Every structure is written in structure tokens, then in C-alpha cells.
Protein backbone atom coordinates (compact mmCIF):
# COMPACT_ATOMS: atom_id res chain seq x y z
CA MET A 1 122.37 90.29 126.15
CA SER A 2 121.80 87.20 124.00
CA GLY A 3 123.25 86.79 120.52
CA GLY A 4 119.76 86.84 119.04
CA THR A 5 118.90 90.12 120.76
CA LEU A 6 122.16 91.72 119.62
CA LEU A 7 121.57 90.58 116.04
CA ALA A 8 118.04 92.00 116.10
CA GLU A 9 119.34 95.33 117.39
CA ARG A 10 121.99 95.48 114.68
CA PHE A 11 119.35 94.67 112.06
CA GLU A 12 117.03 97.40 113.34
CA ALA A 13 119.80 99.95 112.81
CA HIS A 14 119.76 99.06 109.11
CA ARG A 15 115.97 98.86 108.73
CA PRO A 16 115.39 102.46 107.52
CA ARG A 17 117.93 102.10 104.70
CA LEU A 18 116.58 98.69 103.67
CA ARG A 19 113.01 99.98 103.59
CA ALA A 20 114.11 103.00 101.55
CA VAL A 21 115.91 100.79 99.03
CA ALA A 22 112.91 98.49 98.71
CA TYR A 23 110.43 101.36 98.37
CA ARG A 24 112.43 103.00 95.61
CA MET A 25 112.83 99.66 93.87
CA LEU A 26 109.17 98.63 94.11
CA GLY A 27 107.13 101.81 94.67
CA SER A 28 104.99 99.95 97.22
CA LEU A 29 105.11 100.51 100.97
CA GLY A 30 103.57 97.15 101.78
CA GLU A 31 105.94 95.27 99.48
CA ALA A 32 108.87 97.23 100.91
CA ASP A 33 107.93 96.02 104.39
CA ASP A 34 107.67 92.47 103.06
CA VAL A 35 111.17 92.74 101.61
CA VAL A 36 112.56 93.94 104.93
CA GLN A 37 110.88 91.05 106.74
CA GLU A 38 112.20 88.51 104.22
CA THR A 39 115.70 90.00 104.61
CA TRP A 40 115.49 89.56 108.38
CA LEU A 41 114.40 85.94 108.02
CA ARG A 42 117.34 85.21 105.75
CA LEU A 43 119.74 86.94 108.16
CA ASP A 44 118.39 84.88 111.03
CA ARG A 45 119.25 81.72 109.08
CA HIS A 46 122.68 82.82 107.84
CA ALA A 47 123.98 85.20 110.54
CA GLU A 48 127.15 83.20 111.14
CA GLU A 49 128.17 83.59 107.48
CA VAL A 50 127.92 87.41 107.48
CA ASP A 51 131.02 89.60 107.79
CA ASN A 52 129.85 92.95 106.37
CA LEU A 53 126.32 93.23 107.74
CA GLY A 54 125.30 96.41 105.90
CA GLY A 55 126.51 95.19 102.54
CA TRP A 56 125.00 91.73 103.03
CA LEU A 57 121.60 93.13 103.96
CA THR A 58 121.52 95.51 100.99
CA THR A 59 122.48 92.67 98.65
CA VAL A 60 119.80 90.34 99.98
CA ALA A 61 117.08 93.00 99.94
CA SER A 62 118.06 93.95 96.39
CA ARG A 63 117.85 90.33 95.24
CA VAL A 64 114.36 90.00 96.72
CA CYS A 65 113.30 93.22 94.98
CA LEU A 66 114.80 92.09 91.68
CA ASN A 67 112.85 88.84 91.82
CA GLU A 68 109.65 90.76 92.47
CA LEU A 69 110.30 93.14 89.58
CA ARG A 70 110.97 90.25 87.22
CA GLY A 71 107.78 88.59 88.38
CA ARG A 72 105.83 91.75 87.68
CA GLN A 73 107.32 91.93 84.21
CA ARG A 74 106.20 88.38 83.48
CA ARG A 75 102.71 88.95 84.89
CA ARG A 76 102.35 92.37 83.24
CA GLU A 77 99.88 93.29 85.95
CA GLU A 78 100.59 97.00 85.94
CA GLU A 79 99.45 99.55 83.39
CA LEU A 80 102.62 101.62 83.37
CA ASP A 81 101.03 104.71 81.83
CA THR A 82 98.61 105.12 84.72
CA SER A 83 100.60 103.51 87.54
CA VAL A 84 101.11 105.78 90.55
CA PRO A 85 103.42 104.61 93.37
CA ASP A 86 102.32 104.45 96.96
CA PRO A 87 102.67 107.95 98.39
CA VAL A 88 104.59 108.68 101.57
CA LEU A 89 102.47 111.18 103.51
CA ALA A 90 103.47 113.63 106.22
CA ALA A 91 101.85 116.65 107.82
CA PRO A 92 103.43 119.94 106.67
CA GLU A 93 103.51 121.45 110.14
CA ARG A 94 105.51 118.75 111.92
CA ASP A 95 108.67 116.77 111.42
CA ASP A 96 108.27 113.13 110.44
CA PRO A 97 111.60 111.34 110.92
CA GLU A 98 110.25 108.05 109.53
CA ALA A 99 109.09 109.69 106.29
CA ALA A 100 112.36 111.61 106.01
CA ALA A 101 114.38 108.42 106.42
CA LEU A 102 112.31 106.67 103.78
CA LEU A 103 112.51 109.44 101.22
CA GLY A 104 115.92 111.00 101.52
CA ASP A 105 116.11 113.98 99.19
CA ARG A 106 115.59 112.48 95.73
CA VAL A 107 112.48 110.37 95.67
CA GLY A 108 109.77 112.74 94.52
CA THR A 109 106.67 111.21 92.98
CA ALA A 110 107.66 112.17 89.42
CA LEU A 111 110.95 110.31 89.80
CA GLN A 112 109.24 107.29 91.35
CA VAL A 113 106.78 107.17 88.44
CA VAL A 114 109.63 107.06 85.92
CA LEU A 115 111.41 104.35 87.92
CA GLY A 116 108.28 102.26 87.45
CA THR A 117 108.77 102.32 83.68
CA LEU A 118 112.34 100.97 83.81
CA GLY A 119 113.19 97.34 83.28
CA PRO A 120 114.23 95.38 86.39
CA ALA A 121 117.98 95.51 85.67
CA GLU A 122 117.98 99.21 84.82
CA ARG A 123 115.94 100.06 87.87
CA LEU A 124 118.18 98.12 90.22
CA ALA A 125 121.35 99.61 88.71
CA PHE A 126 120.03 103.18 88.92
CA VAL A 127 118.54 102.92 92.40
CA LEU A 128 121.55 101.26 93.98
CA HIS A 129 124.26 103.24 92.16
CA ASP A 130 122.71 106.70 91.75
CA LEU A 131 120.48 106.90 94.82
CA PHE A 132 122.42 104.81 97.34
CA ALA A 133 126.00 105.07 96.06
CA VAL A 134 126.52 101.30 95.94
CA PRO A 135 129.71 100.57 93.93
CA LEU A 136 129.26 99.09 90.47
CA GLU A 137 131.44 96.17 91.51
CA ASP A 138 128.92 95.26 94.22
CA ILE A 139 125.93 95.54 91.89
CA ALA A 140 127.43 93.45 89.09
CA PRO A 141 127.01 90.02 90.79
CA LEU A 142 123.33 90.77 91.47
CA LEU A 143 122.70 91.09 87.73
CA ASP A 144 125.31 88.57 86.60
CA LYS A 145 126.97 91.30 84.55
CA SER A 146 130.30 93.10 84.44
CA PRO A 147 130.72 96.46 86.20
CA ALA A 148 131.01 98.08 82.76
CA ALA A 149 127.65 96.63 81.74
CA VAL A 150 126.08 97.84 84.99
CA ARG A 151 127.46 101.31 84.30
CA GLN A 152 125.69 101.26 80.93
CA LEU A 153 122.43 100.16 82.53
CA ALA A 154 122.62 102.96 85.09
CA SER A 155 123.50 105.47 82.37
CA ARG A 156 120.48 104.51 80.25
CA ALA A 157 118.21 104.73 83.27
CA ARG A 158 119.68 108.10 84.22
CA LYS A 159 118.99 109.42 80.73
CA ARG A 160 115.38 108.29 80.85
CA VAL A 161 114.89 109.81 84.29
CA LYS A 162 116.31 113.11 83.07
CA GLU A 163 114.06 113.10 80.01
CA ARG A 164 110.83 112.08 81.74
CA ALA A 165 111.01 113.32 85.33
CA PRO A 166 110.75 117.11 85.50
CA GLU A 167 113.15 118.71 87.95
CA PRO A 168 110.89 120.25 90.62
CA ASP A 169 111.25 123.57 92.34
CA ARG A 170 113.13 123.06 95.59
CA ASP A 171 111.62 126.11 97.32
CA PRO A 172 108.82 124.82 99.60
CA ALA A 173 107.11 128.23 99.49
CA ALA A 174 106.87 128.08 95.69
CA GLN A 175 105.53 124.54 95.84
CA ARG A 176 102.94 125.44 98.42
CA ALA A 177 101.80 128.57 96.59
CA ALA A 178 101.17 126.64 93.37
CA VAL A 179 99.29 123.81 95.10
CA GLU A 180 97.19 126.22 97.17
CA ALA A 181 96.34 128.18 94.02
CA PHE A 182 95.27 124.98 92.26
CA LEU A 183 93.18 123.89 95.25
CA ALA A 184 91.51 127.30 95.60
CA ALA A 185 90.67 127.47 91.90
CA SER A 186 89.28 123.92 92.06
CA ARG A 187 87.03 124.83 94.99
CA ASP A 188 85.74 127.89 93.12
CA GLY A 189 85.36 126.12 89.79
CA ASP A 190 87.63 128.82 88.37
CA PHE A 191 88.65 127.49 84.96
CA GLU A 192 90.92 130.42 84.13
CA GLY A 193 92.56 130.23 87.53
CA LEU A 194 93.28 126.54 87.01
CA VAL A 195 94.73 127.14 83.55
CA ALA A 196 96.94 129.91 84.94
CA VAL A 197 98.59 127.70 87.58
CA LEU A 198 99.16 124.73 85.22
CA ALA A 199 102.07 124.51 82.80
CA PRO A 200 100.84 124.42 79.17
CA ASP A 201 102.13 120.85 78.73
CA ALA A 202 101.10 119.64 82.19
CA VAL A 203 100.31 115.94 82.67
CA LEU A 204 97.79 114.37 85.03
CA ARG A 205 98.03 110.66 85.78
CA ALA A 206 95.30 108.87 87.76
CA ASP A 207 95.54 105.34 89.14
CA GLY A 208 92.29 103.71 90.21
CA GLY A 209 93.63 100.19 90.56
CA THR A 210 91.40 97.23 89.76
CA ALA A 211 88.54 98.49 91.93
CA MET A 212 88.27 101.85 90.12
CA ALA A 213 89.78 100.98 86.76
CA ALA A 214 87.46 103.38 84.96
CA LEU A 215 89.20 106.28 86.70
CA SER A 216 92.68 105.27 85.52
CA LYS A 217 93.79 107.69 82.82
CA VAL A 218 96.45 110.07 81.60
CA ILE A 219 95.41 113.51 80.38
CA ARG A 220 97.67 116.19 78.96
CA GLY A 221 97.50 119.94 78.58
CA ASN A 222 96.49 122.67 81.01
CA THR A 223 93.03 123.29 79.52
CA VAL A 224 92.09 119.61 79.53
CA ILE A 225 93.29 119.16 83.12
CA ALA A 226 91.51 122.35 84.19
CA SER A 227 88.26 121.07 82.69
CA SER A 228 88.65 117.75 84.52
CA ALA A 229 89.37 119.53 87.81
CA ARG A 230 86.22 121.63 87.44
CA GLN A 231 84.16 118.48 86.94
CA ALA A 232 85.58 117.11 90.21
CA ARG A 233 85.07 120.37 92.14
CA LYS A 234 82.64 118.75 94.60
CA LEU A 235 85.64 116.95 96.16
CA ALA A 236 87.80 120.07 96.46
CA PRO A 237 86.33 121.31 99.79
CA PHE A 238 87.48 118.07 101.43
CA GLY A 239 91.08 118.44 100.28
CA ARG A 240 93.84 119.50 102.66
CA LEU A 241 97.51 120.15 102.24
CA VAL A 242 99.95 117.35 103.04
CA LEU A 243 103.48 116.49 102.10
CA VAL A 244 103.46 113.77 99.44
CA ASN A 245 106.91 112.25 98.97
CA GLY A 246 108.42 115.38 100.45
CA ALA A 247 106.56 117.93 98.30
CA TYR A 248 103.25 119.71 98.83
CA GLY A 249 100.18 117.79 97.71
CA VAL A 250 96.54 117.27 98.58
CA LEU A 251 94.86 114.53 100.63
CA THR A 252 91.09 114.28 100.26
CA VAL A 253 89.24 112.64 103.15
CA ILE A 254 85.46 112.21 103.36
CA ASP A 255 83.79 110.79 106.47
CA GLY A 256 87.18 109.77 107.80
CA LYS A 257 88.14 107.78 104.69
CA PRO A 258 90.80 108.86 102.19
CA VAL A 259 89.38 109.07 98.65
CA SER A 260 92.40 110.47 96.84
CA VAL A 261 95.99 111.62 97.18
CA MET A 262 97.31 114.15 94.68
CA ALA A 263 101.07 114.56 94.28
CA PHE A 264 102.17 117.77 92.54
CA THR A 265 105.40 118.46 90.69
CA VAL A 266 105.94 122.22 90.51
CA VAL A 267 108.43 123.57 87.97
CA ASP A 268 109.16 127.31 87.64
CA GLY A 269 106.14 128.12 89.80
CA LEU A 270 103.68 126.14 87.66
CA VAL A 271 102.19 122.68 88.16
CA ALA A 272 103.91 120.43 85.60
CA GLN A 273 102.65 117.04 86.76
CA ILE A 274 99.88 115.71 88.98
CA ASP A 275 99.85 112.07 90.05
CA VAL A 276 96.59 110.99 91.63
CA LEU A 277 95.99 107.80 93.58
CA VAL A 278 92.28 106.90 93.80
CA ASP A 279 92.63 103.15 94.31
CA PRO A 280 90.47 102.54 97.43
CA ASP A 281 92.35 99.40 98.46
CA ARG A 282 95.74 101.07 98.48
CA LEU A 283 94.38 104.26 100.04
CA ALA A 284 92.86 102.28 102.90
CA ALA A 285 96.27 100.80 103.70
CA LEU A 286 98.06 104.17 103.89
CA PRO A 287 99.11 105.58 107.27
CA LEU A 288 97.51 109.03 107.34
CA PRO A 289 99.42 112.02 108.74
CA TYR A 290 96.45 113.52 110.62
């Protein structure tokens, strides 16, 4: 076996973790794949200098992500209020090892949305330290800060996540019951049924991207969301249950083309947050679970 083949095999063993880090940092599946590819290219050029392969790869991937986040901040291309991350889809009835490896157990859509509102340094500190248990001492050089300063960054990010990302029900049956109730009420145009399954202070966030910018919005309150869902009832018959970032959600497909993905955050049996992706360009790039 050649040295190049062995190096490629060792890299492939780290690919799932690198892709997971990049996805949580960037919220984009395509950009996460680009980061992994860039990390491989850099390894191919510097392989002889690497002692700790896992640590080196995580550091390089994190630097690439940090540069991208800083570029986004300068460009200000994203409307943070309505930005919805790329969803990771899986069919409820079958195991999906690739999706499981990407998500782990703490990357629900609500959390990913809040990560998108953090500054680049806070996001990197929180993702690496809290989600991937990277020591503060290893993160500090990436940000050109002391470990104590990185601890403060992670703490601030943690506080914001706790304040803004509702803690979802972990019982899959409770999640599914709430989403099925919402979908059934939507199909029937049942306003009262919709209000009953939504938390009073529920939030709906829709991201239409540049192609459907008019659909990008944030609406709050169960009655307002219920009214909006009734207006969109013609789409409800085309919706089917999927797992969206590990929790039950709805994928709407018409004539073989996805037109929306709805991620639900269920808290105490009620729908507390709905994040809807209706951007046709991003939807077209998603691998569908069916």
C-alpha cells in the first residue's frame, strides 16, 4: 500500500467528524463539504509535518471555517432573523448512519439557528469546546487569544444559546404526535386545531433565499402562525414526515421537486418553533431521504 493511499485512508476515518464540525460552524452542507475538501488538500501538501493527525485536521478545518465566517460578517449577505440552516434529512423508518454521524445528539435546528447569530469567535469557541470537547488551550491559538478569553467567549455563547434555543422534548413519540397534529390540522384548515398544538409564544421563521425573498419572514404567536398555515393549506396534502436534524419535521414535494422543509421544535408537547426552508436553490441541492 502506497503512502498516498494510506494517508487517504487515515483522512477518510476523520471525514465524518470534520464534516460535522464544519456543518455546525457554517450551517451549510455544501460549504461543509468544501471545508473538508480544502482540509484534505492542505494535508496532502503538509503530511510530513503532521504528528497528531486528528488534532491537525480539526485545527485546519476550523481555520477555514473561521475565515468563511469572517467573510460573511464583512459581506453581511445573510439576514440573520430569517436565516434557516441547511437541514439534514432522514427517513423516520430507517437508520441513516451518515446523518447520525453529522448530527450527533445536540445539533437540532433551533440550536443551529442560534449559532448563526453568534459572532465568528464566539461560534468557533462554543462549537469546538461545548460540542466537540476541544480543550481551550487548543482553541486559543486559532483566535489569537488566551485560554481564559476563549472560556469567556464560550460562556457568552452558551448563555445566548440557553436563552434563545428552546430545549426540545427528547421523546420521539411526543415530537411525532405534535407534528402530525399540526400537519393534520393544516390539511383540514382547522384553525382551532392549529392554535391548540402551537405554544402561545411560538415562532415561525421562513427563509426564501434570494430567489424567494418575499417569503422570508418571522412571525410570532400561535394565532398568527395558525392563520398563515391555513392560508398555505393547499400545500399540506403534499407534506410527509421526515427527520429534520434528528427531530420530526415535514418535507413537501410536488411533482418530484422539494418545495419546503419544515423543522419543528416541540417543547412540553407543543410546537414552540418552526423553521421553514423555501429557498428553491438550496432545496434543489438537498439529498432527499425518499
